Amino acid sequence: RDGRVRVDPWMRPPMPDGAEVGSLFVLGDAAAAEHRSENENDGDSLLPSTAQVAGQQGAFIARLLDRDYDLTQTPPHVQIGNMTEDGINDPSMTQWLKFRGLEQAPPFGFLNLGMLAYLGGGEALSQVQVGDVNLLSWAGSVGFLLWRSVYLVKQVATRNRVLVTFDWIKVS
């Protein structure tokens, strides 16, 4: 749909050869991932093409790879006894995943944290939520302050935070 690639709950596209399953992932704007609603009346819909979704998908795939799941299986399972010379498939990780009940990889689940929209002129819309629970909604200058705060926190490097702050001071 809409030029996006359909993916399974583990972000894998359909492959013509079953042996290739797990060798490719599709995420972000390119993925047509279904969102399973907790409300039975809502049905399933495609996740939006937003940075929030892509970031959570990237973290999900990183966990799958870090935990060394066998991604050729559906659903992916923890690999047992395939220790390689370079240390892949750490036995302590396998035991930890078993202890936590994660021998089978859980499907991707999107957690909606809300939305922020900069409107210009020192105004923004902000909605903070966790899942389907709306916590806060602001518009105007208060929304703009929240938008700037989140924007700064999302900067990875301290250097970038300082540069962005001084840029904002310079243009105001």
C-alpha atoms as a PDB file:
ATOM      1  CA  ARG A   1       0.000   0.000   0.000  1.00  0.00           C
ATOM      2  CA  ASP A   2       1.178   3.487  -0.845  1.00  0.00           C
ATOM      3  CA  GLY A   3       4.436   2.086  -2.235  1.00  0.00           C
ATOM      4  CA  ARG A   4       5.454   0.636   1.121  1.00  0.00           C
ATOM      5  CA  VAL A   5       6.613  -2.948   1.643  1.00  0.00           C
ATOM      6  CA  ARG A   6       4.391  -5.199   3.754  1.00  0.00           C
ATOM      7  CA  VAL A   7       6.278  -6.662   6.715  1.00  0.00           C
ATOM      8  CA  ASP A   8       5.578  -9.336   9.294  1.00  0.00           C
ATOM      9  CA  PRO A   9       5.480  -8.538  13.051  1.00  0.00           C
ATOM     10  CA  TRP A  10       9.303  -8.882  13.172  1.00  0.00           C
ATOM     11  CA  MET A  11       9.818  -6.295  10.405  1.00  0.00           C
ATOM     12  CA  ARG A  12      10.756  -8.886   7.760  1.00  0.00           C
ATOM     13  CA  PRO A  13       9.413  -8.543   4.206  1.00  0.00           C
ATOM     14  CA  PRO A  14       7.994 -11.512   2.297  1.00  0.00           C
ATOM     15  CA  MET A  15      10.810 -13.356   0.516  1.00  0.00           C
ATOM     16  CA  PRO A  16      10.462 -15.488  -2.629  1.00  0.00           C
ATOM     17  CA  ASP A  17      12.784 -18.121  -1.159  1.00  0.00           C
ATOM     18  CA  GLY A  18      12.017 -19.241   2.406  1.00  0.00           C
ATOM     19  CA  ALA A  19      15.742 -19.673   3.108  1.00  0.00           C
ATOM     20  CA  GLU A  20      16.235 -15.907   2.746  1.00  0.00           C
ATOM     21  CA  VAL A  21      13.773 -15.000   5.519  1.00  0.00           C
ATOM     22  CA  GLY A  22      15.529 -13.022   8.237  1.00  0.00           C
ATOM     23  CA  SER A  23      18.271 -11.704   5.962  1.00  0.00           C
ATOM     24  CA  LEU A  24      16.494  -8.405   5.294  1.00  0.00           C
ATOM     25  CA  PHE A  25      14.503  -5.923   7.382  1.00  0.00           C
ATOM     26  CA  VAL A  26      12.266  -3.062   6.286  1.00  0.00           C
ATOM     27  CA  LEU A  27      11.492  -0.217   8.658  1.00  0.00           C
ATOM     28  CA  GLY A  28      10.540   3.431   8.816  1.00  0.00           C
ATOM     29  CA  ASP A  29       8.861   5.078   5.842  1.00  0.00           C
ATOM     30  CA  ALA A  30       9.435   2.023   3.629  1.00  0.00           C
ATOM     31  CA  ALA A  31       7.590  -0.421   5.928  1.00  0.00           C
ATOM     32  CA  ALA A  32       3.869  -1.120   5.838  1.00  0.00           C
ATOM     33  CA  ALA A  33       3.696  -2.436   9.403  1.00  0.00           C
ATOM     34  CA  GLU A  34       0.312  -3.143  10.931  1.00  0.00           C
ATOM     35  CA  HIS A  35      -0.669  -1.621  14.240  1.00  0.00           C
ATOM     36  CA  ARG A  36      -2.767  -3.951  16.337  1.00  0.00           C
ATOM     37  CA  SER A  37      -5.240  -1.901  18.313  1.00  0.00           C
ATOM     38  CA  GLU A  38      -6.085  -2.928  21.869  1.00  0.00           C
ATOM     39  CA  ASN A  39      -9.663  -1.853  21.162  1.00  0.00           C
ATOM     40  CA  GLU A  40     -11.342  -4.731  19.312  1.00  0.00           C
ATOM     41  CA  ASN A  41     -13.649  -2.346  17.410  1.00  0.00           C
ATOM     42  CA  ASP A  42     -10.771  -0.361  15.860  1.00  0.00           C
ATOM     43  CA  GLY A  43      -9.288  -3.216  13.819  1.00  0.00           C
ATOM     44  CA  ASP A  44      -5.764  -3.165  12.418  1.00  0.00           C
ATOM     45  CA  SER A  45      -4.263  -0.209  10.568  1.00  0.00           C
ATOM     46  CA  LEU A  46      -0.855   0.675   9.165  1.00  0.00           C
ATOM     47  CA  LEU A  47       1.557   2.544  11.396  1.00  0.00           C
ATOM     48  CA  PRO A  48       2.236   6.133  10.308  1.00  0.00           C
ATOM     49  CA  SER A  49       5.481   7.057   8.549  1.00  0.00           C
ATOM     50  CA  THR A  50       6.933   9.095  11.413  1.00  0.00           C
ATOM     51  CA  ALA A  51      10.312   9.370  13.123  1.00  0.00           C
ATOM     52  CA  GLN A  52       8.777   8.037  16.349  1.00  0.00           C
ATOM     53  CA  VAL A  53       7.743   4.791  14.644  1.00  0.00           C
ATOM     54  CA  ALA A  54      11.064   4.431  12.788  1.00  0.00           C
ATOM     55  CA  GLY A  55      13.072   4.994  15.976  1.00  0.00           C
ATOM     56  CA  GLN A  56      11.142   2.325  17.856  1.00  0.00           C
ATOM     57  CA  GLN A  57      11.460  -0.089  14.915  1.00  0.00           C
ATOM     58  CA  GLY A  58      15.226   0.487  14.779  1.00  0.00           C
ATOM     59  CA  ALA A  59      15.585  -0.183  18.514  1.00  0.00           C
ATOM     60  CA  PHE A  60      13.433  -3.328  18.124  1.00  0.00           C
ATOM     61  CA  ILE A  61      15.600  -4.716  15.313  1.00  0.00           C
ATOM     62  CA  ALA A  62      18.757  -3.890  17.284  1.00  0.00           C
ATOM     63  CA  ARG A  63      17.401  -5.946  20.208  1.00  0.00           C
ATOM     64  CA  LEU A  64      16.604  -8.879  17.896  1.00  0.00           C
ATOM     65  CA  LEU A  65      20.134  -8.827  16.489  1.00  0.00           C
ATOM     66  CA  ASP A  66      21.820  -8.234  19.852  1.00  0.00           C
ATOM     67  CA  ARG A  67      19.951 -11.138  21.441  1.00  0.00           C
ATOM     68  CA  ASP A  68      20.977 -13.359  18.504  1.00  0.00           C
ATOM     69  CA  TYR A  69      17.529 -14.697  17.681  1.00  0.00           C
ATOM     70  CA  ASP A  70      17.316 -17.162  14.800  1.00  0.00           C
ATOM     71  CA  LEU A  71      15.515 -14.834  12.406  1.00  0.00           C
ATOM     72  CA  THR A  72      14.887 -17.538   9.811  1.00  0.00           C
ATOM     73  CA  GLN A  73      12.167 -19.006  12.045  1.00  0.00           C
ATOM     74  CA  THR A  74       8.659 -17.629  12.479  1.00  0.00           C
ATOM     75  CA  PRO A  75       8.456 -16.522  15.209  1.00  0.00           C
ATOM     76  CA  PRO A  76      12.192 -16.033  15.811  1.00  0.00           C
ATOM     77  CA  HIS A  77      13.628 -18.192  18.619  1.00  0.00           C
ATOM     78  CA  VAL A  78      16.814 -18.045  20.671  1.00  0.00           C
ATOM     79  CA  GLN A  79      19.604 -20.008  19.020  1.00  0.00           C
ATOM     80  CA  ILE A  80      20.956 -22.797  21.218  1.00  0.00           C
ATOM     81  CA  GLY A  81      24.320 -24.518  20.822  1.00  0.00           C
ATOM     82  CA  ASN A  82      25.504 -22.652  17.720  1.00  0.00           C
ATOM     83  CA  MET A  83      28.459 -20.909  19.397  1.00  0.00           C
ATOM     84  CA  THR A  84      30.901 -19.496  16.887  1.00  0.00           C
ATOM     85  CA  GLU A  85      34.546 -18.550  17.387  1.00  0.00           C
ATOM     86  CA  ASP A  86      33.801 -14.830  17.498  1.00  0.00           C
ATOM     87  CA  GLY A  87      31.544 -15.228  20.550  1.00  0.00           C
ATOM     88  CA  ILE A  88      28.131 -14.949  18.909  1.00  0.00           C
ATOM     89  CA  ASN A  89      25.333 -16.653  20.856  1.00  0.00           C
ATOM     90  CA  ASP A  90      26.496 -15.886  24.363  1.00  0.00           C
ATOM     91  CA  PRO A  91      25.254 -18.706  26.644  1.00  0.00           C
ATOM     92  CA  SER A  92      24.598 -16.250  29.497  1.00  0.00           C
ATOM     93  CA  MET A  93      22.342 -14.193  27.176  1.00  0.00           C
ATOM     94  CA  THR A  94      20.487 -17.365  26.181  1.00  0.00           C
ATOM     95  CA  GLN A  95      19.915 -18.252  29.849  1.00  0.00           C
ATOM     96  CA  TRP A  96      18.837 -14.683  30.644  1.00  0.00           C
ATOM     97  CA  LEU A  97      16.306 -14.677  27.789  1.00  0.00           C
ATOM     98  CA  LYS A  98      14.942 -18.056  28.914  1.00  0.00           C
ATOM     99  CA  PHE A  99      14.652 -16.783  32.485  1.00  0.00           C
ATOM    100  CA  ARG A 100      12.663 -13.760  31.244  1.00  0.00           C
ATOM    101  CA  GLY A 101      10.418 -15.947  29.059  1.00  0.00           C
ATOM    102  CA  LEU A 102      11.825 -14.498  25.839  1.00  0.00           C
ATOM    103  CA  GLU A 103      12.907 -17.704  24.101  1.00  0.00           C
ATOM    104  CA  GLN A 104      10.533 -16.622  21.354  1.00  0.00           C
ATOM    105  CA  ALA A 105      10.976 -13.050  20.093  1.00  0.00           C
ATOM    106  CA  PRO A 106       7.951 -10.872  20.791  1.00  0.00           C
ATOM    107  CA  PRO A 107       6.446  -9.087  17.779  1.00  0.00           C
ATOM    108  CA  PHE A 108       7.058  -5.371  17.286  1.00  0.00           C
ATOM    109  CA  GLY A 109       4.748  -3.235  19.362  1.00  0.00           C
ATOM    110  CA  PHE A 110       4.478   0.504  18.803  1.00  0.00           C
ATOM    111  CA  LEU A 111       4.071   2.682  21.891  1.00  0.00           C
ATOM    112  CA  ASN A 112       2.571   6.032  20.941  1.00  0.00           C
ATOM    113  CA  LEU A 113       4.213   8.770  23.015  1.00  0.00           C
ATOM    114  CA  GLY A 114       2.222  11.618  21.473  1.00  0.00           C
ATOM    115  CA  MET A 115       3.024  14.276  18.907  1.00  0.00           C
ATOM    116  CA  LEU A 116       4.658  17.650  18.611  1.00  0.00           C
ATOM    117  CA  ALA A 117       4.126  20.120  15.775  1.00  0.00           C
ATOM    118  CA  TYR A 118       5.932  23.440  15.388  1.00  0.00           C
ATOM    119  CA  LEU A 119       3.609  26.067  13.906  1.00  0.00           C
ATOM    120  CA  GLY A 120       6.046  28.986  13.639  1.00  0.00           C
ATOM    121  CA  GLY A 121       6.040  32.318  15.383  1.00  0.00           C
ATOM    122  CA  GLY A 122       6.841  30.788  18.769  1.00  0.00           C
ATOM    123  CA  GLU A 123       3.825  28.476  18.773  1.00  0.00           C
ATOM    124  CA  ALA A 124       3.438  24.719  18.678  1.00  0.00           C
ATOM    125  CA  LEU A 125       0.935  21.955  19.312  1.00  0.00           C
ATOM    126  CA  SER A 126       1.885  19.249  21.769  1.00  0.00           C
ATOM    127  CA  GLN A 127       0.171  16.115  22.909  1.00  0.00           C
ATOM    128  CA  VAL A 128       1.888  13.831  25.409  1.00  0.00           C
ATOM    129  CA  GLN A 129       0.484  10.350  25.779  1.00  0.00           C
ATOM    130  CA  VAL A 130       1.477   6.799  26.623  1.00  0.00           C
ATOM    131  CA  GLY A 131      -0.255   4.298  24.366  1.00  0.00           C
ATOM    132  CA  ASP A 132      -3.888   5.346  24.140  1.00  0.00           C
ATOM    133  CA  VAL A 133      -3.828   7.398  27.365  1.00  0.00           C
ATOM    134  CA  ASN A 134      -3.615  11.144  26.738  1.00  0.00           C
ATOM    135  CA  LEU A 135      -1.635  12.834  29.532  1.00  0.00           C
ATOM    136  CA  LEU A 136      -1.225  16.457  28.411  1.00  0.00           C
ATOM    137  CA  SER A 137      -2.285  18.642  25.503  1.00  0.00           C
ATOM    138  CA  TRP A 138      -1.040  22.184  24.957  1.00  0.00           C
ATOM    139  CA  ALA A 139      -1.084  24.716  22.189  1.00  0.00           C
ATOM    140  CA  GLY A 140       0.628  28.059  21.781  1.00  0.00           C
ATOM    141  CA  SER A 141       3.698  29.219  23.681  1.00  0.00           C
ATOM    142  CA  VAL A 142       3.478  26.470  26.322  1.00  0.00           C
ATOM    143  CA  GLY A 143       3.395  23.874  23.542  1.00  0.00           C
ATOM    144  CA  PHE A 144       6.361  25.641  21.933  1.00  0.00           C
ATOM    145  CA  LEU A 145       8.358  25.404  25.183  1.00  0.00           C
ATOM    146  CA  LEU A 146       7.617  21.675  25.400  1.00  0.00           C
ATOM    147  CA  TRP A 147       8.525  21.234  21.708  1.00  0.00           C
ATOM    148  CA  ARG A 148      11.902  22.931  22.257  1.00  0.00           C
ATOM    149  CA  SER A 149      12.570  20.909  25.395  1.00  0.00           C
ATOM    150  CA  VAL A 150      11.923  17.605  23.643  1.00  0.00           C
ATOM    151  CA  TYR A 151      13.950  18.729  20.616  1.00  0.00           C
ATOM    152  CA  LEU A 152      16.958  19.475  22.836  1.00  0.00           C
ATOM    153  CA  VAL A 153      16.682  16.210  24.783  1.00  0.00           C
ATOM    154  CA  LYS A 154      16.574  14.224  21.522  1.00  0.00           C
ATOM    155  CA  GLN A 155      19.958  15.649  20.471  1.00  0.00           C
ATOM    156  CA  VAL A 156      22.488  12.868  21.036  1.00  0.00           C
ATOM    157  CA  ALA A 157      25.658  14.909  21.565  1.00  0.00           C
ATOM    158  CA  THR A 158      26.052  17.640  24.161  1.00  0.00           C
ATOM    159  CA  ARG A 159      27.831  19.684  21.499  1.00  0.00           C
ATOM    160  CA  ASN A 160      24.679  19.617  19.356  1.00  0.00           C
ATOM    161  CA  ARG A 161      22.533  20.664  22.319  1.00  0.00           C
ATOM    162  CA  VAL A 162      24.778  23.669  22.936  1.00  0.00           C
ATOM    163  CA  LEU A 163      24.892  24.625  19.233  1.00  0.00           C
ATOM    164  CA  VAL A 164      21.103  24.364  18.867  1.00  0.00           C
ATOM    165  CA  THR A 165      20.540  26.424  22.023  1.00  0.00           C
ATOM    166  CA  PHE A 166      22.893  29.188  20.846  1.00  0.00           C
ATOM    167  CA  ASP A 167      21.271  29.135  17.405  1.00  0.00           C
ATOM    168  CA  TRP A 168      17.858  29.642  19.003  1.00  0.00           C
ATOM    169  CA  ILE A 169      19.239  32.511  21.103  1.00  0.00           C
ATOM    170  CA  LYS A 170      20.847  34.058  18.018  1.00  0.00           C
ATOM    171  CA  VAL A 171      17.653  34.070  15.924  1.00  0.00           C
ATOM    172  CA  SER A 172      15.304  35.239  18.664  1.00  0.00           C
END
